[in-house]
């Protein structure tokens, strides 16, 4: 069984239109719903990288996603962040939407934040 080496959310006309997985053998698989996959291409203008993490509901999180992150043991307040991918560093970060705060998402290959603390809010296009 082939595993994927890259996964993207596809954007066209400022709207999410599907997903792309690139397998180890470079086969490209497309999906409109992230469930049924085929080699039938989907037209897109932008592709946002998968961040390598999922939220509390196992929803995969991609570059430019907006999330709510609980940083304390209290249920609220949650801070809002955007997931960004730094091309130069080849690394994902969380940028606070209300300040200059930037959090590293991984220590090496291990996620720093427990998925139970993350809730998907939406996509910034």
PDB file of N, CA and C in Angstrom:
ATOM      1  N   UNK A   1       0.851  -1.188   0.000  1.00  0.00           N
ATOM      2  CA  UNK A   1       0.000   0.000   0.000  1.00  0.00           C
ATOM      3  C   UNK A   1       0.889   1.241   0.000  1.00  0.00           C
ATOM      4  N   UNK A   2       0.567   2.158  -0.860  1.00  0.00           N
ATOM      5  CA  UNK A   2       1.295   3.413  -0.978  1.00  0.00           C
ATOM      6  C   UNK A   2       0.840   4.381   0.104  1.00  0.00           C
ATOM      7  N   UNK A   3       1.778   5.038   0.758  1.00  0.00           N
ATOM      8  CA  UNK A   3       1.396   6.084   1.705  1.00  0.00           C
ATOM      9  C   UNK A   3       1.652   7.435   1.049  1.00  0.00           C
ATOM     10  N   UNK A   4       1.025   8.476   1.588  1.00  0.00           N
ATOM     11  CA  UNK A   4       1.202   9.786   0.966  1.00  0.00           C
ATOM     12  C   UNK A   4       2.385  10.511   1.582  1.00  0.00           C
ATOM     13  N   UNK A   5       3.045  11.314   0.746  1.00  0.00           N
ATOM     14  CA  UNK A   5       4.156  12.123   1.253  1.00  0.00           C
ATOM     15  C   UNK A   5       3.772  13.591   1.363  1.00  0.00           C
ATOM     16  N   UNK A   6       2.711  14.006   0.652  1.00  0.00           N
ATOM     17  CA  UNK A   6       2.232  15.385   0.748  1.00  0.00           C
ATOM     18  C   UNK A   6       0.709  15.389   0.643  1.00  0.00           C
ATOM     19  N   UNK A   7       0.089  16.371   1.312  1.00  0.00           N
ATOM     20  CA  UNK A   7      -1.368  16.493   1.339  1.00  0.00           C
ATOM     21  C   UNK A   7      -1.685  17.977   1.318  1.00  0.00           C
ATOM     22  N   UNK A   8      -2.640  18.383   0.493  1.00  0.00           N
ATOM     23  CA  UNK A   8      -2.957  19.795   0.313  1.00  0.00           C
ATOM     24  C   UNK A   8      -4.462  20.033   0.302  1.00  0.00           C
ATOM     25  N   UNK A   9      -4.881  21.211   0.775  1.00  0.00           N
ATOM     26  CA  UNK A   9      -6.243  21.701   0.537  1.00  0.00           C
ATOM     27  C   UNK A   9      -6.153  22.569  -0.712  1.00  0.00           C
ATOM     28  N   UNK A  10      -7.051  22.359  -1.661  1.00  0.00           N
ATOM     29  CA  UNK A  10      -7.030  23.073  -2.933  1.00  0.00           C
ATOM     30  C   UNK A  10      -8.026  24.230  -2.918  1.00  0.00           C
ATOM     31  N   UNK A  11      -7.586  25.368  -3.456  1.00  0.00           N
ATOM     32  CA  UNK A  11      -8.390  26.590  -3.481  1.00  0.00           C
ATOM     33  C   UNK A  11      -8.537  27.049  -4.929  1.00  0.00           C
ATOM     34  N   UNK A  12      -9.764  27.405  -5.316  1.00  0.00           N
ATOM     35  CA  UNK A  12     -10.016  27.970  -6.639  1.00  0.00           C
ATOM     36  C   UNK A  12     -11.080  29.057  -6.496  1.00  0.00           C
ATOM     37  N   UNK A  13     -10.878  30.193  -7.143  1.00  0.00           N
ATOM     38  CA  UNK A  13     -11.817  31.320  -7.044  1.00  0.00           C
ATOM     39  C   UNK A  13     -12.120  31.680  -5.593  1.00  0.00           C
ATOM     40  N   UNK A  14     -11.076  31.700  -4.758  1.00  0.00           N
ATOM     41  CA  UNK A  14     -11.190  32.096  -3.348  1.00  0.00           C
ATOM     42  C   UNK A  14     -12.058  31.152  -2.513  1.00  0.00           C
ATOM     43  N   UNK A  15     -12.237  29.889  -2.966  1.00  0.00           N
ATOM     44  CA  UNK A  15     -13.034  28.913  -2.217  1.00  0.00           C
ATOM     45  C   UNK A  15     -12.309  27.573  -2.180  1.00  0.00           C
ATOM     46  N   UNK A  16     -12.421  26.852  -1.060  1.00  0.00           N
ATOM     47  CA  UNK A  16     -11.889  25.483  -1.023  1.00  0.00           C
ATOM     48  C   UNK A  16     -12.680  24.608  -2.001  1.00  0.00           C
ATOM     49  N   UNK A  17     -11.962  23.867  -2.845  1.00  0.00           N
ATOM     50  CA  UNK A  17     -12.627  23.021  -3.847  1.00  0.00           C
ATOM     51  C   UNK A  17     -12.279  21.545  -3.709  1.00  0.00           C
ATOM     52  N   UNK A  18     -11.322  21.209  -2.856  1.00  0.00           N
ATOM     53  CA  UNK A  18     -10.969  19.806  -2.702  1.00  0.00           C
ATOM     54  C   UNK A  18      -9.609  19.629  -2.065  1.00  0.00           C
ATOM     55  N   UNK A  19      -9.089  18.428  -2.245  1.00  0.00           N
ATOM     56  CA  UNK A  19      -7.832  18.032  -1.624  1.00  0.00           C
ATOM     57  C   UNK A  19      -6.979  17.271  -2.629  1.00  0.00           C
ATOM     58  N   UNK A  20      -5.678  17.289  -2.399  1.00  0.00           N
ATOM     59  CA  UNK A  20      -4.715  16.563  -3.221  1.00  0.00           C
ATOM     60  C   UNK A  20      -3.760  15.831  -2.304  1.00  0.00           C
ATOM     61  N   UNK A  21      -3.570  14.545  -2.589  1.00  0.00           N
ATOM     62  CA  UNK A  21      -2.525  13.777  -1.914  1.00  0.00           C
ATOM     63  C   UNK A  21      -1.535  13.327  -2.973  1.00  0.00           C
ATOM     64  N   UNK A  22      -0.258  13.480  -2.659  1.00  0.00           N
ATOM     65  CA  UNK A  22       0.797  12.978  -3.535  1.00  0.00           C
ATOM     66  C   UNK A  22       1.404  11.778  -2.834  1.00  0.00           C
ATOM     67  N   UNK A  23       1.327  10.632  -3.496  1.00  0.00           N
ATOM     68  CA  UNK A  23       1.813   9.391  -2.910  1.00  0.00           C
ATOM     69  C   UNK A  23       3.322   9.279  -3.042  1.00  0.00           C
ATOM     70  N   UNK A  24       3.889   8.299  -2.355  1.00  0.00           N
ATOM     71  CA  UNK A  24       5.343   8.081  -2.398  1.00  0.00           C
ATOM     72  C   UNK A  24       5.863   7.870  -3.813  1.00  0.00           C
ATOM     73  N   UNK A  25       5.030   7.278  -4.688  1.00  0.00           N
ATOM     74  CA  UNK A  25       5.459   7.050  -6.077  1.00  0.00           C
ATOM     75  C   UNK A  25       5.092   8.230  -6.986  1.00  0.00           C
ATOM     76  N   UNK A  26       4.721   9.379  -6.380  1.00  0.00           N
ATOM     77  CA  UNK A  26       4.349  10.631  -7.050  1.00  0.00           C
ATOM     78  C   UNK A  26       3.003  10.590  -7.769  1.00  0.00           C
ATOM     79  N   UNK A  27       2.199   9.550  -7.554  1.00  0.00           N
ATOM     80  CA  UNK A  27       0.834   9.529  -8.058  1.00  0.00           C
ATOM     81  C   UNK A  27       0.045  10.630  -7.359  1.00  0.00           C
ATOM     82  N   UNK A  28      -0.756  11.363  -8.122  1.00  0.00           N
ATOM     83  CA  UNK A  28      -1.591  12.418  -7.550  1.00  0.00           C
ATOM     84  C   UNK A  28      -3.027  11.930  -7.441  1.00  0.00           C
ATOM     85  N   UNK A  29      -3.581  12.005  -6.228  1.00  0.00           N
ATOM     86  CA  UNK A  29      -4.971  11.636  -5.985  1.00  0.00           C
ATOM     87  C   UNK A  29      -5.739  12.872  -5.545  1.00  0.00           C
ATOM     88  N   UNK A  30      -6.940  13.035  -6.090  1.00  0.00           N
ATOM     89  CA  UNK A  30      -7.769  14.200  -5.814  1.00  0.00           C
ATOM     90  C   UNK A  30      -9.066  13.772  -5.131  1.00  0.00           C
ATOM     91  N   UNK A  31      -9.602  14.656  -4.305  1.00  0.00           N
ATOM     92  CA  UNK A  31     -10.869  14.396  -3.628  1.00  0.00           C
ATOM     93  C   UNK A  31     -11.603  15.710  -3.412  1.00  0.00           C
ATOM     94  N   UNK A  32     -12.916  15.698  -3.628  1.00  0.00           N
ATOM     95  CA  UNK A  32     -13.716  16.892  -3.343  1.00  0.00           C
ATOM     96  C   UNK A  32     -14.138  16.935  -1.887  1.00  0.00           C
ATOM     97  N   UNK A  33     -14.180  15.749  -1.221  1.00  0.00           N
ATOM     98  CA  UNK A  33     -14.701  15.674   0.141  1.00  0.00           C
ATOM     99  C   UNK A  33     -13.706  15.109   1.162  1.00  0.00           C
ATOM    100  N   UNK A  34     -12.471  14.863   0.739  1.00  0.00           N
ATOM    101  CA  UNK A  34     -11.428  14.298   1.605  1.00  0.00           C
ATOM    102  C   UNK A  34     -11.772  12.871   2.049  1.00  0.00           C
ATOM    103  N   UNK A  35     -12.652  12.220   1.275  1.00  0.00           N
ATOM    104  CA  UNK A  35     -13.059  10.851   1.585  1.00  0.00           C
ATOM    105  C   UNK A  35     -12.841   9.934   0.382  1.00  0.00           C
ATOM    106  N   UNK A  36     -13.485  10.251  -0.739  1.00  0.00           N
ATOM    107  CA  UNK A  36     -13.342   9.453  -1.960  1.00  0.00           C
ATOM    108  C   UNK A  36     -12.227  10.060  -2.811  1.00  0.00           C
ATOM    109  N   UNK A  37     -11.225   9.245  -3.153  1.00  0.00           N
ATOM    110  CA  UNK A  37     -10.047   9.721  -3.875  1.00  0.00           C
ATOM    111  C   UNK A  37      -9.979   9.098  -5.258  1.00  0.00           C
ATOM    112  N   UNK A  38      -9.529   9.887  -6.255  1.00  0.00           N
ATOM    113  CA  UNK A  38      -9.354   9.378  -7.615  1.00  0.00           C
ATOM    114  C   UNK A  38      -8.242  10.166  -8.302  1.00  0.00           C
ATOM    115  N   UNK A  39      -7.891   9.741  -9.491  1.00  0.00           N
ATOM    116  CA  UNK A  39      -6.872  10.459 -10.268  1.00  0.00           C
ATOM    117  C   UNK A  39      -7.494  11.562 -11.123  1.00  0.00           C
ATOM    118  N   UNK A  40      -8.827  11.732 -11.058  1.00  0.00           N
ATOM    119  CA  UNK A  40      -9.494  12.796 -11.808  1.00  0.00           C
ATOM    120  C   UNK A  40      -9.108  14.148 -11.218  1.00  0.00           C
ATOM    121  N   UNK A  41      -8.466  14.980 -12.040  1.00  0.00           N
ATOM    122  CA  UNK A  41      -7.925  16.252 -11.559  1.00  0.00           C
ATOM    123  C   UNK A  41      -9.023  17.244 -11.185  1.00  0.00           C
ATOM    124  N   UNK A  42      -8.705  18.071 -10.209  1.00  0.00           N
ATOM    125  CA  UNK A  42      -9.554  19.182  -9.780  1.00  0.00           C
ATOM    126  C   UNK A  42      -8.806  20.466 -10.125  1.00  0.00           C
ATOM    127  N   UNK A  43      -9.487  21.389 -10.775  1.00  0.00           N
ATOM    128  CA  UNK A  43      -8.872  22.670 -11.121  1.00  0.00           C
ATOM    129  C   UNK A  43      -8.679  23.501  -9.852  1.00  0.00           C
ATOM    130  N   UNK A  44      -7.464  24.051  -9.694  1.00  0.00           N
ATOM    131  CA  UNK A  44      -7.190  24.870  -8.506  1.00  0.00           C
ATOM    132  C   UNK A  44      -6.134  25.919  -8.815  1.00  0.00           C
ATOM    133  N   UNK A  45      -6.152  26.999  -8.023  1.00  0.00           N
ATOM    134  CA  UNK A  45      -5.184  28.089  -8.149  1.00  0.00           C
ATOM    135  C   UNK A  45      -4.118  28.032  -7.067  1.00  0.00           C
ATOM    136  N   UNK A  46      -4.516  27.597  -5.861  1.00  0.00           N
ATOM    137  CA  UNK A  46      -3.594  27.536  -4.720  1.00  0.00           C
ATOM    138  C   UNK A  46      -3.718  26.178  -4.055  1.00  0.00           C
ATOM    139  N   UNK A  47      -2.621  25.754  -3.442  1.00  0.00           N
ATOM    140  CA  UNK A  47      -2.613  24.514  -2.666  1.00  0.00           C
ATOM    141  C   UNK A  47      -1.973  24.814  -1.314  1.00  0.00           C
ATOM    142  N   UNK A  48      -2.726  24.583  -0.234  1.00  0.00           N
ATOM    143  CA  UNK A  48      -2.236  24.826   1.119  1.00  0.00           C
ATOM    144  C   UNK A  48      -1.744  23.518   1.726  1.00  0.00           C
ATOM    145  N   UNK A  49      -0.500  23.513   2.227  1.00  0.00           N
ATOM    146  CA  UNK A  49       0.121  22.327   2.829  1.00  0.00           C
ATOM    147  C   UNK A  49      -0.654  21.825   4.048  1.00  0.00           C
ATOM    148  N   UNK A  50      -0.686  20.502   4.215  1.00  0.00           N
ATOM    149  CA  UNK A  50      -1.187  19.922   5.462  1.00  0.00           C
ATOM    150  C   UNK A  50      -0.158  20.205   6.542  1.00  0.00           C
ATOM    151  N   UNK A  51      -0.602  20.620   7.717  1.00  0.00           N
ATOM    152  CA  UNK A  51       0.304  21.013   8.798  1.00  0.00           C
ATOM    153  C   UNK A  51       0.913  19.829   9.538  1.00  0.00           C
ATOM    154  N   UNK A  52       0.346  18.653   9.379  1.00  0.00           N
ATOM    155  CA  UNK A  52       0.845  17.486  10.106  1.00  0.00           C
ATOM    156  C   UNK A  52       0.079  17.205  11.379  1.00  0.00           C
ATOM    157  N   UNK A  53      -0.951  18.015  11.657  1.00  0.00           N
ATOM    158  CA  UNK A  53      -1.747  17.811  12.871  1.00  0.00           C
ATOM    159  C   UNK A  53      -3.239  17.818  12.534  1.00  0.00           C
ATOM    160  N   UNK A  54      -4.023  17.321  13.493  1.00  0.00           N
ATOM    161  CA  UNK A  54      -5.482  17.368  13.410  1.00  0.00           C
ATOM    162  C   UNK A  54      -6.004  18.071  14.662  1.00  0.00           C
ATOM    163  N   UNK A  55      -7.252  18.526  14.586  1.00  0.00           N
ATOM    164  CA  UNK A  55      -7.832  19.188  15.758  1.00  0.00           C
ATOM    165  C   UNK A  55      -8.527  18.175  16.658  1.00  0.00           C
ATOM    166  N   UNK A  56      -9.213  18.656  17.671  1.00  0.00           N
ATOM    167  CA  UNK A  56      -9.875  17.804  18.667  1.00  0.00           C
ATOM    168  C   UNK A  56     -10.905  16.864  18.046  1.00  0.00           C
ATOM    169  N   UNK A  57     -11.419  17.193  16.859  1.00  0.00           N
ATOM    170  CA  UNK A  57     -12.399  16.360  16.156  1.00  0.00           C
ATOM    171  C   UNK A  57     -11.763  15.543  15.034  1.00  0.00           C
ATOM    172  N   UNK A  58     -10.432  15.440  15.055  1.00  0.00           N
ATOM    173  CA  UNK A  58      -9.657  14.731  14.027  1.00  0.00           C
ATOM    174  C   UNK A  58      -9.790  15.354  12.641  1.00  0.00           C
ATOM    175  N   UNK A  59     -10.098  16.644  12.594  1.00  0.00           N
ATOM    176  CA  UNK A  59     -10.163  17.368  11.330  1.00  0.00           C
ATOM    177  C   UNK A  59      -8.745  17.782  10.949  1.00  0.00           C
ATOM    178  N   UNK A  60      -8.278  17.404   9.747  1.00  0.00           N
ATOM    179  CA  UNK A  60      -6.913  17.773   9.352  1.00  0.00           C
ATOM    180  C   UNK A  60      -6.777  19.283   9.193  1.00  0.00           C
ATOM    181  N   UNK A  61      -5.670  19.819   9.681  1.00  0.00           N
ATOM    182  CA  UNK A  61      -5.427  21.260   9.654  1.00  0.00           C
ATOM    183  C   UNK A  61      -4.349  21.595   8.633  1.00  0.00           C
ATOM    184  N   UNK A  62      -4.645  22.591   7.816  1.00  0.00           N
ATOM    185  CA  UNK A  62      -3.777  22.983   6.720  1.00  0.00           C
ATOM    186  C   UNK A  62      -3.278  24.409   6.913  1.00  0.00           C
ATOM    187  N   UNK A  63      -2.256  24.739   6.141  1.00  0.00           N
ATOM    188  CA  UNK A  63      -1.743  26.104   6.075  1.00  0.00           C
ATOM    189  C   UNK A  63      -2.918  27.063   5.841  1.00  0.00           C
ATOM    190  N   UNK A  64      -2.893  28.211   6.493  1.00  0.00           N
ATOM    191  CA  UNK A  64      -3.908  29.271   6.398  1.00  0.00           C
ATOM    192  C   UNK A  64      -5.208  28.947   7.122  1.00  0.00           C
ATOM    193  N   UNK A  65      -5.265  27.837   7.853  1.00  0.00           N
ATOM    194  CA  UNK A  65      -6.441  27.559   8.678  1.00  0.00           C
ATOM    195  C   UNK A  65      -6.417  28.454   9.911  1.00  0.00           C
ATOM    196  N   UNK A  66      -7.598  28.854  10.353  1.00  0.00           N
ATOM    197  CA  UNK A  66      -7.760  29.610  11.592  1.00  0.00           C
ATOM    198  C   UNK A  66      -8.220  28.616  12.654  1.00  0.00           C
ATOM    199  N   UNK A  67      -7.534  28.639  13.791  1.00  0.00           N
ATOM    200  CA  UNK A  67      -7.870  27.720  14.875  1.00  0.00           C
ATOM    201  C   UNK A  67      -8.057  28.492  16.175  1.00  0.00           C
ATOM    202  N   UNK A  68      -8.788  27.892  17.096  1.00  0.00           N
ATOM    203  CA  UNK A  68      -8.865  28.387  18.470  1.00  0.00           C
ATOM    204  C   UNK A  68      -7.994  27.460  19.299  1.00  0.00           C
ATOM    205  N   UNK A  69      -7.148  28.039  20.128  1.00  0.00           N
ATOM    206  CA  UNK A  69      -6.209  27.263  20.932  1.00  0.00           C
ATOM    207  C   UNK A  69      -6.393  27.612  22.399  1.00  0.00           C
ATOM    208  N   UNK A  70      -6.616  26.586  23.205  1.00  0.00           N
ATOM    209  CA  UNK A  70      -6.733  26.781  24.651  1.00  0.00           C
ATOM    210  C   UNK A  70      -5.343  26.641  25.251  1.00  0.00           C
ATOM    211  N   UNK A  71      -4.858  27.696  25.892  1.00  0.00           N
ATOM    212  CA  UNK A  71      -3.501  27.711  26.443  1.00  0.00           C
ATOM    213  C   UNK A  71      -3.469  27.544  27.959  1.00  0.00           C
ATOM    214  N   UNK A  72      -4.633  27.411  28.585  1.00  0.00           N
ATOM    215  CA  UNK A  72      -4.699  27.240  30.038  1.00  0.00           C
ATOM    216  C   UNK A  72      -5.551  26.021  30.348  1.00  0.00           C
ATOM    217  N   UNK A  73      -5.658  25.679  31.608  1.00  0.00           N
ATOM    218  CA  UNK A  73      -6.505  24.555  31.997  1.00  0.00           C
ATOM    219  C   UNK A  73      -7.985  24.937  32.008  1.00  0.00           C
ATOM    220  N   UNK A  74      -8.275  26.215  31.868  1.00  0.00           N
ATOM    221  CA  UNK A  74      -9.662  26.688  31.835  1.00  0.00           C
ATOM    222  C   UNK A  74     -10.242  26.483  30.431  1.00  0.00           C
ATOM    223  N   UNK A  75     -11.553  26.221  30.311  1.00  0.00           N
ATOM    224  CA  UNK A  75     -12.147  26.030  28.990  1.00  0.00           C
ATOM    225  C   UNK A  75     -12.079  27.286  28.125  1.00  0.00           C
ATOM    226  N   UNK A  76     -12.040  28.453  28.764  1.00  0.00           N
ATOM    227  CA  UNK A  76     -11.914  29.719  28.047  1.00  0.00           C
ATOM    228  C   UNK A  76     -10.932  30.581  28.814  1.00  0.00           C
ATOM    229  N   UNK A  77     -10.290  31.557  28.296  1.00  0.00           N
ATOM    230  CA  UNK A  77     -10.441  32.008  26.929  1.00  0.00           C
ATOM    231  C   UNK A  77      -9.536  31.228  25.979  1.00  0.00           C
ATOM    232  N   UNK A  78      -9.989  31.130  24.769  1.00  0.00           N
ATOM    233  CA  UNK A  78      -9.176  30.542  23.710  1.00  0.00           C
ATOM    234  C   UNK A  78      -8.643  31.680  22.850  1.00  0.00           C
ATOM    235  N   UNK A  79      -7.411  31.525  22.394  1.00  0.00           N
ATOM    236  CA  UNK A  79      -6.824  32.517  21.498  1.00  0.00           C
ATOM    237  C   UNK A  79      -6.934  31.989  20.074  1.00  0.00           C
ATOM    238  N   UNK A  80      -7.043  32.905  19.122  1.00  0.00           N
ATOM    239  CA  UNK A  80      -7.147  32.511  17.720  1.00  0.00           C
ATOM    240  C   UNK A  80      -5.812  32.694  17.017  1.00  0.00           C
ATOM    241  N   UNK A  81      -5.465  31.683  16.233  1.00  0.00           N
ATOM    242  CA  UNK A  81      -4.209  31.662  15.491  1.00  0.00           C
ATOM    243  C   UNK A  81      -4.460  31.241  14.052  1.00  0.00           C
ATOM    244  N   UNK A  82      -3.539  31.645  13.173  1.00  0.00           N
ATOM    245  CA  UNK A  82      -3.520  31.141  11.806  1.00  0.00           C
ATOM    246  C   UNK A  82      -2.302  30.237  11.662  1.00  0.00           C
ATOM    247  N   UNK A  83      -2.501  29.092  11.021  1.00  0.00           N
ATOM    248  CA  UNK A  83      -1.388  28.193  10.739  1.00  0.00           C
ATOM    249  C   UNK A  83      -0.666  28.725   9.512  1.00  0.00           C
ATOM    250  N   UNK A  84       0.630  28.961   9.646  1.00  0.00           N
ATOM    251  CA  UNK A  84       1.421  29.428   8.498  1.00  0.00           C
ATOM    252  C   UNK A  84       2.565  28.454   8.246  1.00  0.00           C
ATOM    253  N   UNK A  85       2.995  28.420   6.992  1.00  0.00           N
ATOM    254  CA  UNK A  85       4.137  27.598   6.609  1.00  0.00           C
ATOM    255  C   UNK A  85       5.240  28.528   6.154  1.00  0.00           C
ATOM    256  N   UNK A  86       6.380  28.477   6.817  1.00  0.00           N
ATOM    257  CA  UNK A  86       7.535  29.300   6.462  1.00  0.00           C
ATOM    258  C   UNK A  86       8.363  28.529   5.438  1.00  0.00           C
ATOM    259  N   UNK A  87       8.327  28.993   4.183  1.00  0.00           N
ATOM    260  CA  UNK A  87       9.038  28.301   3.093  1.00  0.00           C
ATOM    261  C   UNK A  87      10.539  28.243   3.345  1.00  0.00           C
ATOM    262  N   UNK A  88      11.101  29.325   3.877  1.00  0.00           N
ATOM    263  CA  UNK A  88      12.544  29.372   4.120  1.00  0.00           C
ATOM    264  C   UNK A  88      12.963  28.342   5.162  1.00  0.00           C
ATOM    265  N   UNK A  89      12.227  28.293   6.267  1.00  0.00           N
ATOM    266  CA  UNK A  89      12.560  27.368   7.355  1.00  0.00           C
ATOM    267  C   UNK A  89      11.975  25.977   7.154  1.00  0.00           C
ATOM    268  N   UNK A  90      11.035  25.858   6.181  1.00  0.00           N
ATOM    269  CA  UNK A  90      10.328  24.594   5.954  1.00  0.00           C
ATOM    270  C   UNK A  90       9.699  24.098   7.256  1.00  0.00           C
ATOM    271  N   UNK A  91       8.957  25.009   7.903  1.00  0.00           N
ATOM    272  CA  UNK A  91       8.401  24.723   9.217  1.00  0.00           C
ATOM    273  C   UNK A  91       7.055  25.428   9.384  1.00  0.00           C
ATOM    274  N   UNK A  92       6.162  24.807  10.156  1.00  0.00           N
ATOM    275  CA  UNK A  92       4.858  25.391  10.464  1.00  0.00           C
ATOM    276  C   UNK A  92       4.910  26.176  11.767  1.00  0.00           C
ATOM    277  N   UNK A  93       4.142  27.274  11.789  1.00  0.00           N
ATOM    278  CA  UNK A  93       4.013  28.111  12.975  1.00  0.00           C
ATOM    279  C   UNK A  93       2.548  28.474  13.170  1.00  0.00           C
ATOM    280  N   UNK A  94       2.230  28.924  14.376  1.00  0.00           N
ATOM    281  CA  UNK A  94       0.924  29.505  14.675  1.00  0.00           C
ATOM    282  C   UNK A  94       1.131  30.992  14.904  1.00  0.00           C
ATOM    283  N   UNK A  95       0.467  31.825  14.112  1.00  0.00           N
ATOM    284  CA  UNK A  95       0.529  33.280  14.280  1.00  0.00           C
ATOM    285  C   UNK A  95      -0.737  33.747  14.983  1.00  0.00           C
ATOM    286  N   UNK A  96      -0.570  34.424  16.122  1.00  0.00           N
ATOM    287  CA  UNK A  96      -1.704  34.985  16.859  1.00  0.00           C
ATOM    288  C   UNK A  96      -2.370  36.042  15.982  1.00  0.00           C
ATOM    289  N   UNK A  97      -3.687  35.991  15.879  1.00  0.00           N
ATOM    290  CA  UNK A  97      -4.406  36.945  15.032  1.00  0.00           C
ATOM    291  C   UNK A  97      -4.494  38.335  15.649  1.00  0.00           C
ATOM    292  N   UNK A  98      -4.213  38.446  16.956  1.00  0.00           N
ATOM    293  CA  UNK A  98      -4.360  39.739  17.637  1.00  0.00           C
ATOM    294  C   UNK A  98      -3.054  40.319  18.164  1.00  0.00           C
ATOM    295  N   UNK A  99      -1.929  39.681  17.855  1.00  0.00           N
ATOM    296  CA  UNK A  99      -0.639  40.202  18.318  1.00  0.00           C
ATOM    297  C   UNK A  99       0.466  39.678  17.399  1.00  0.00           C
ATOM    298  N   UNK A 100       1.710  39.976  17.759  1.00  0.00           N
ATOM    299  CA  UNK A 100       2.858  39.498  16.987  1.00  0.00           C
ATOM    300  C   UNK A 100       3.355  38.143  17.472  1.00  0.00           C
ATOM    301  N   UNK A 101       2.629  37.523  18.395  1.00  0.00           N
ATOM    302  CA  UNK A 101       3.060  36.240  18.957  1.00  0.00           C
ATOM    303  C   UNK A 101       3.084  35.159  17.876  1.00  0.00           C
ATOM    304  N   UNK A 102       4.159  34.385  17.892  1.00  0.00           N
ATOM    305  CA  UNK A 102       4.315  33.265  16.959  1.00  0.00           C
ATOM    306  C   UNK A 102       4.746  32.047  17.754  1.00  0.00           C
ATOM    307  N   UNK A 103       4.000  30.959  17.600  1.00  0.00           N
ATOM    308  CA  UNK A 103       4.319  29.716  18.294  1.00  0.00           C
ATOM    309  C   UNK A 103       4.832  28.684  17.306  1.00  0.00           C
ATOM    310  N   UNK A 104       5.836  27.947  17.717  1.00  0.00           N
ATOM    311  CA  UNK A 104       6.315  26.823  16.917  1.00  0.00           C
ATOM    312  C   UNK A 104       5.324  25.684  17.074  1.00  0.00           C
ATOM    313  N   UNK A 105       5.016  25.005  15.994  1.00  0.00           N
ATOM    314  CA  UNK A 105       4.035  23.925  16.039  1.00  0.00           C
ATOM    315  C   UNK A 105       4.664  22.578  16.381  1.00  0.00           C
ATOM    316  N   UNK A 106       5.948  22.408  16.063  1.00  0.00           N
ATOM    317  CA  UNK A 106       6.626  21.127  16.273  1.00  0.00           C
ATOM    318  C   UNK A 106       7.958  21.310  16.981  1.00  0.00           C
ATOM    319  N   UNK A 107       8.347  20.295  17.743  1.00  0.00           N
ATOM    320  CA  UNK A 107       9.708  20.161  18.275  1.00  0.00           C
ATOM    321  C   UNK A 107      10.288  18.971  17.527  1.00  0.00           C
ATOM    322  N   UNK A 108      11.116  19.257  16.547  1.00  0.00           N
ATOM    323  CA  UNK A 108      11.552  18.191  15.647  1.00  0.00           C
ATOM    324  C   UNK A 108      10.357  17.752  14.826  1.00  0.00           C
ATOM    325  N   UNK A 109       9.984  16.472  14.947  1.00  0.00           N
ATOM    326  CA  UNK A 109       8.813  15.965  14.226  1.00  0.00           C
ATOM    327  C   UNK A 109       7.606  15.763  15.132  1.00  0.00           C
ATOM    328  N   UNK A 110       7.744  16.126  16.397  1.00  0.00           N
ATOM    329  CA  UNK A 110       6.659  15.918  17.355  1.00  0.00           C
ATOM    330  C   UNK A 110       5.856  17.194  17.567  1.00  0.00           C
ATOM    331  N   UNK A 111       4.513  17.107  17.479  1.00  0.00           N
ATOM    332  CA  UNK A 111       3.698  18.292  17.748  1.00  0.00           C
ATOM    333  C   UNK A 111       3.832  18.727  19.202  1.00  0.00           C
ATOM    334  N   UNK A 112       3.906  20.016  19.426  1.00  0.00           N
ATOM    335  CA  UNK A 112       4.062  20.560  20.771  1.00  0.00           C
ATOM    336  C   UNK A 112       2.709  20.670  21.476  1.00  0.00           C
ATOM    337  N   UNK A 113       1.653  20.865  20.708  1.00  0.00           N
ATOM    338  CA  UNK A 113       0.334  21.130  21.276  1.00  0.00           C
ATOM    339  C   UNK A 113      -0.549  19.893  21.136  1.00  0.00           C
ATOM    340  N   UNK A 114      -1.215  19.527  22.225  1.00  0.00           N
ATOM    341  CA  UNK A 114      -2.138  18.402  22.219  1.00  0.00           C
ATOM    342  C   UNK A 114      -3.361  18.747  21.374  1.00  0.00           C
ATOM    343  N   UNK A 115      -3.795  17.811  20.537  1.00  0.00           N
ATOM    344  CA  UNK A 115      -4.922  18.089  19.642  1.00  0.00           C
ATOM    345  C   UNK A 115      -6.203  18.449  20.394  1.00  0.00           C
ATOM    346  N   UNK A 116      -6.337  18.005  21.640  1.00  0.00           N
ATOM    347  CA  UNK A 116      -7.538  18.320  22.422  1.00  0.00           C
ATOM    348  C   UNK A 116      -7.649  19.813  22.735  1.00  0.00           C
ATOM    349  N   UNK A 117      -6.561  20.550  22.565  1.00  0.00           N
ATOM    350  CA  UNK A 117      -6.552  21.994  22.837  1.00  0.00           C
ATOM    351  C   UNK A 117      -6.849  22.823  21.591  1.00  0.00           C
ATOM    352  N   UNK A 118      -7.028  22.161  20.431  1.00  0.00           N
ATOM    353  CA  UNK A 118      -7.165  22.864  19.151  1.00  0.00           C
ATOM    354  C   UNK A 118      -8.561  22.639  18.571  1.00  0.00           C
ATOM    355  N   UNK A 119      -9.184  23.727  18.117  1.00  0.00           N
ATOM    356  CA  UNK A 119     -10.480  23.641  17.442  1.00  0.00           C
ATOM    357  C   UNK A 119     -10.400  24.402  16.123  1.00  0.00           C
ATOM    358  N   UNK A 120     -10.757  23.738  15.021  1.00  0.00           N
ATOM    359  CA  UNK A 120     -10.802  24.371  13.707  1.00  0.00           C
ATOM    360  C   UNK A 120     -11.922  25.401  13.678  1.00  0.00           C
ATOM    361  N   UNK A 121     -11.614  26.600  13.143  1.00  0.00           N
ATOM    362  CA  UNK A 121     -12.620  27.657  13.003  1.00  0.00           C
ATOM    363  C   UNK A 121     -12.961  27.898  11.538  1.00  0.00           C
ATOM    364  N   UNK A 122     -11.937  28.008  10.684  1.00  0.00           N
ATOM    365  CA  UNK A 122     -12.183  28.297   9.275  1.00  0.00           C
ATOM    366  C   UNK A 122     -10.887  28.419   8.504  1.00  0.00           C
ATOM    367  N   UNK A 123     -11.017  28.848   7.249  1.00  0.00           N
ATOM    368  CA  UNK A 123      -9.873  28.984   6.349  1.00  0.00           C
ATOM    369  C   UNK A 123      -9.734  30.446   5.949  1.00  0.00           C
ATOM    370  N   UNK A 124      -8.520  30.964   5.996  1.00  0.00           N
ATOM    371  CA  UNK A 124      -8.235  32.312   5.510  1.00  0.00           C
ATOM    372  C   UNK A 124      -7.662  32.186   4.106  1.00  0.00           C
ATOM    373  N   UNK A 125      -8.364  32.766   3.142  1.00  0.00           N
ATOM    374  CA  UNK A 125      -7.919  32.596   1.750  1.00  0.00           C
ATOM    375  C   UNK A 125      -7.352  33.859   1.216  1.00  0.00           C
TER     376      UNK A 125
END
